[in-house]
């Protein structure tokens, strides 16, 4: 139940961010729920592998390369989910930063911290 609640909140945030950013298109709330679920799966299975493989670059950039990895996760999600379109990689990076900050704020307010 807690996982479903987190996915629904993330879907709402994806809808809100896509309405604020003109370069992000999403078809509807159902697509946003799918995007939230796919992002969760990508962050569980793919992101740790990429983080380990890019560890030297992450050290050299003092951790800033993790923004690139987060943008890559968003861009991969946009290719996997029909109805979720992001125009450029830079937009994906900005989208991931805004999504991370807004998730932190919302989950802190409702007491759903990790």
C-alpha atoms as a PDB file:
ATOM      1  CA  UNK A   1       0.000   0.000   0.000  1.00  0.00           C
ATOM      2  CA  UNK A   2       2.874   2.334   0.848  1.00  0.00           C
ATOM      3  CA  UNK A   3       4.506   1.626  -2.525  1.00  0.00           C
ATOM      4  CA  UNK A   4       1.284   2.366  -4.400  1.00  0.00           C
ATOM      5  CA  UNK A   5       0.914   5.624  -2.478  1.00  0.00           C
ATOM      6  CA  UNK A   6       4.467   6.671  -3.401  1.00  0.00           C
ATOM      7  CA  UNK A   7       3.866   5.805  -7.073  1.00  0.00           C
ATOM      8  CA  UNK A   8       0.658   7.870  -7.133  1.00  0.00           C
ATOM      9  CA  UNK A   9       2.406  10.852  -5.535  1.00  0.00           C
ATOM     10  CA  UNK A  10       5.267  10.582  -8.013  1.00  0.00           C
ATOM     11  CA  UNK A  11       2.753  10.359 -10.870  1.00  0.00           C
ATOM     12  CA  UNK A  12       1.084  13.539  -9.656  1.00  0.00           C
ATOM     13  CA  UNK A  13       4.442  15.293  -9.477  1.00  0.00           C
ATOM     14  CA  UNK A  14       5.308  14.087 -12.989  1.00  0.00           C
ATOM     15  CA  UNK A  15       2.012  15.561 -14.230  1.00  0.00           C
ATOM     16  CA  UNK A  16       2.668  18.846 -12.421  1.00  0.00           C
ATOM     17  CA  UNK A  17       6.228  19.177 -13.709  1.00  0.00           C
ATOM     18  CA  UNK A  18       5.201  18.291 -17.258  1.00  0.00           C
ATOM     19  CA  UNK A  19       2.550  21.001 -17.179  1.00  0.00           C
ATOM     20  CA  UNK A  20       5.167  23.538 -16.064  1.00  0.00           C
ATOM     21  CA  UNK A  21       7.821  22.524 -18.602  1.00  0.00           C
ATOM     22  CA  UNK A  22       6.819  23.040 -22.226  1.00  0.00           C
ATOM     23  CA  UNK A  23       9.430  20.591 -23.509  1.00  0.00           C
ATOM     24  CA  UNK A  24       7.969  17.641 -21.566  1.00  0.00           C
ATOM     25  CA  UNK A  25       4.784  16.050 -22.907  1.00  0.00           C
ATOM     26  CA  UNK A  26       2.677  13.432 -21.172  1.00  0.00           C
ATOM     27  CA  UNK A  27      -0.626  12.059 -22.427  1.00  0.00           C
ATOM     28  CA  UNK A  28      -2.499  11.617 -19.164  1.00  0.00           C
ATOM     29  CA  UNK A  29      -2.509  10.468 -15.567  1.00  0.00           C
ATOM     30  CA  UNK A  30      -2.420   6.794 -16.542  1.00  0.00           C
ATOM     31  CA  UNK A  31       0.771   7.438 -18.495  1.00  0.00           C
ATOM     32  CA  UNK A  32       2.158   9.331 -15.487  1.00  0.00           C
ATOM     33  CA  UNK A  33       1.502   6.312 -13.249  1.00  0.00           C
ATOM     34  CA  UNK A  34       3.312   4.091 -15.753  1.00  0.00           C
ATOM     35  CA  UNK A  35       6.193   6.592 -15.875  1.00  0.00           C
ATOM     36  CA  UNK A  36       6.434   6.568 -12.066  1.00  0.00           C
ATOM     37  CA  UNK A  37       6.479   2.761 -11.977  1.00  0.00           C
ATOM     38  CA  UNK A  38       9.072   2.480 -14.762  1.00  0.00           C
ATOM     39  CA  UNK A  39      11.264   5.120 -13.100  1.00  0.00           C
ATOM     40  CA  UNK A  40      11.089   3.162  -9.865  1.00  0.00           C
ATOM     41  CA  UNK A  41      12.120  -0.043 -11.623  1.00  0.00           C
ATOM     42  CA  UNK A  42      14.940   1.693 -13.498  1.00  0.00           C
ATOM     43  CA  UNK A  43      16.217   3.230 -10.266  1.00  0.00           C
ATOM     44  CA  UNK A  44      16.161  -0.181  -8.573  1.00  0.00           C
ATOM     45  CA  UNK A  45      17.760  -2.315 -11.295  1.00  0.00           C
ATOM     46  CA  UNK A  46      19.659  -0.168 -13.828  1.00  0.00           C
ATOM     47  CA  UNK A  47      20.907   2.869 -11.918  1.00  0.00           C
ATOM     48  CA  UNK A  48      23.093   0.969  -9.384  1.00  0.00           C
ATOM     49  CA  UNK A  49      24.886  -0.826 -12.211  1.00  0.00           C
ATOM     50  CA  UNK A  50      25.504   2.435 -14.091  1.00  0.00           C
ATOM     51  CA  UNK A  51      26.616   4.148 -10.885  1.00  0.00           C
ATOM     52  CA  UNK A  52      29.244   1.484 -10.250  1.00  0.00           C
ATOM     53  CA  UNK A  53      30.443   1.513 -13.868  1.00  0.00           C
ATOM     54  CA  UNK A  54      30.818   5.306 -13.880  1.00  0.00           C
ATOM     55  CA  UNK A  55      32.392   5.591 -10.436  1.00  0.00           C
ATOM     56  CA  UNK A  56      35.723   7.004 -11.704  1.00  0.00           C
ATOM     57  CA  UNK A  57      33.954   9.763 -13.641  1.00  0.00           C
ATOM     58  CA  UNK A  58      31.753  10.488 -10.641  1.00  0.00           C
ATOM     59  CA  UNK A  59      34.834  10.904  -8.443  1.00  0.00           C
ATOM     60  CA  UNK A  60      36.522  13.195 -10.983  1.00  0.00           C
ATOM     61  CA  UNK A  61      33.448  15.417 -11.222  1.00  0.00           C
ATOM     62  CA  UNK A  62      32.921  15.389  -7.442  1.00  0.00           C
ATOM     63  CA  UNK A  63      29.556  13.694  -7.813  1.00  0.00           C
ATOM     64  CA  UNK A  64      28.114  15.996 -10.463  1.00  0.00           C
ATOM     65  CA  UNK A  65      28.019  13.138 -12.965  1.00  0.00           C
ATOM     66  CA  UNK A  66      25.133  11.672 -10.950  1.00  0.00           C
ATOM     67  CA  UNK A  67      22.951  14.423 -12.455  1.00  0.00           C
ATOM     68  CA  UNK A  68      23.813  12.989 -15.866  1.00  0.00           C
ATOM     69  CA  UNK A  69      22.863   9.504 -14.675  1.00  0.00           C
ATOM     70  CA  UNK A  70      19.525  10.776 -13.362  1.00  0.00           C
ATOM     71  CA  UNK A  71      18.870  12.473 -16.687  1.00  0.00           C
ATOM     72  CA  UNK A  72      19.757   9.246 -18.463  1.00  0.00           C
ATOM     73  CA  UNK A  73      17.195   7.374 -16.353  1.00  0.00           C
ATOM     74  CA  UNK A  74      14.522   9.908 -17.352  1.00  0.00           C
ATOM     75  CA  UNK A  75      15.521   9.701 -21.023  1.00  0.00           C
ATOM     76  CA  UNK A  76      15.452   5.883 -20.950  1.00  0.00           C
ATOM     77  CA  UNK A  77      12.020   6.062 -19.362  1.00  0.00           C
ATOM     78  CA  UNK A  78      10.811   8.377 -22.121  1.00  0.00           C
ATOM     79  CA  UNK A  79      11.896   5.852 -24.743  1.00  0.00           C
ATOM     80  CA  UNK A  80      10.240   2.950 -22.908  1.00  0.00           C
ATOM     81  CA  UNK A  81       6.887   4.602 -22.154  1.00  0.00           C
ATOM     82  CA  UNK A  82       4.651   5.663 -25.019  1.00  0.00           C
ATOM     83  CA  UNK A  83       2.999   9.003 -24.346  1.00  0.00           C
ATOM     84  CA  UNK A  84       5.938  10.424 -22.359  1.00  0.00           C
ATOM     85  CA  UNK A  85       8.176  12.630 -24.467  1.00  0.00           C
ATOM     86  CA  UNK A  86      11.203  14.707 -23.522  1.00  0.00           C
ATOM     87  CA  UNK A  87      12.759  16.856 -26.221  1.00  0.00           C
ATOM     88  CA  UNK A  88      16.407  16.890 -25.169  1.00  0.00           C
ATOM     89  CA  UNK A  89      18.856  15.399 -22.722  1.00  0.00           C
ATOM     90  CA  UNK A  90      19.240  18.739 -20.930  1.00  0.00           C
ATOM     91  CA  UNK A  91      15.497  18.807 -20.388  1.00  0.00           C
ATOM     92  CA  UNK A  92      15.740  15.326 -18.887  1.00  0.00           C
ATOM     93  CA  UNK A  93      18.424  16.506 -16.458  1.00  0.00           C
ATOM     94  CA  UNK A  94      16.362  19.529 -15.392  1.00  0.00           C
ATOM     95  CA  UNK A  95      13.253  17.344 -15.098  1.00  0.00           C
ATOM     96  CA  UNK A  96      15.112  14.859 -12.882  1.00  0.00           C
ATOM     97  CA  UNK A  97      16.423  17.622 -10.607  1.00  0.00           C
ATOM     98  CA  UNK A  98      12.964  19.176 -10.202  1.00  0.00           C
ATOM     99  CA  UNK A  99      11.378  15.749  -9.634  1.00  0.00           C
ATOM    100  CA  UNK A 100      13.957  14.813  -6.984  1.00  0.00           C
ATOM    101  CA  UNK A 101      13.549  18.078  -5.098  1.00  0.00           C
ATOM    102  CA  UNK A 102       9.753  17.991  -5.249  1.00  0.00           C
ATOM    103  CA  UNK A 103       9.651  14.341  -4.133  1.00  0.00           C
ATOM    104  CA  UNK A 104      11.882  15.166  -1.175  1.00  0.00           C
ATOM    105  CA  UNK A 105       9.655  18.060  -0.148  1.00  0.00           C
ATOM    106  CA  UNK A 106       6.360  16.194  -0.551  1.00  0.00           C
ATOM    107  CA  UNK A 107       7.525  12.990   1.135  1.00  0.00           C
ATOM    108  CA  UNK A 108       8.983  15.023   4.014  1.00  0.00           C
ATOM    109  CA  UNK A 109       5.692  16.914   4.447  1.00  0.00           C
ATOM    110  CA  UNK A 110       3.566  13.766   4.565  1.00  0.00           C
ATOM    111  CA  UNK A 111       6.045  11.807   6.662  1.00  0.00           C
ATOM    112  CA  UNK A 112       6.954   9.215   4.014  1.00  0.00           C
ATOM    113  CA  UNK A 113      10.721   9.539   4.394  1.00  0.00           C
ATOM    114  CA  UNK A 114      12.955   6.705   3.293  1.00  0.00           C
END
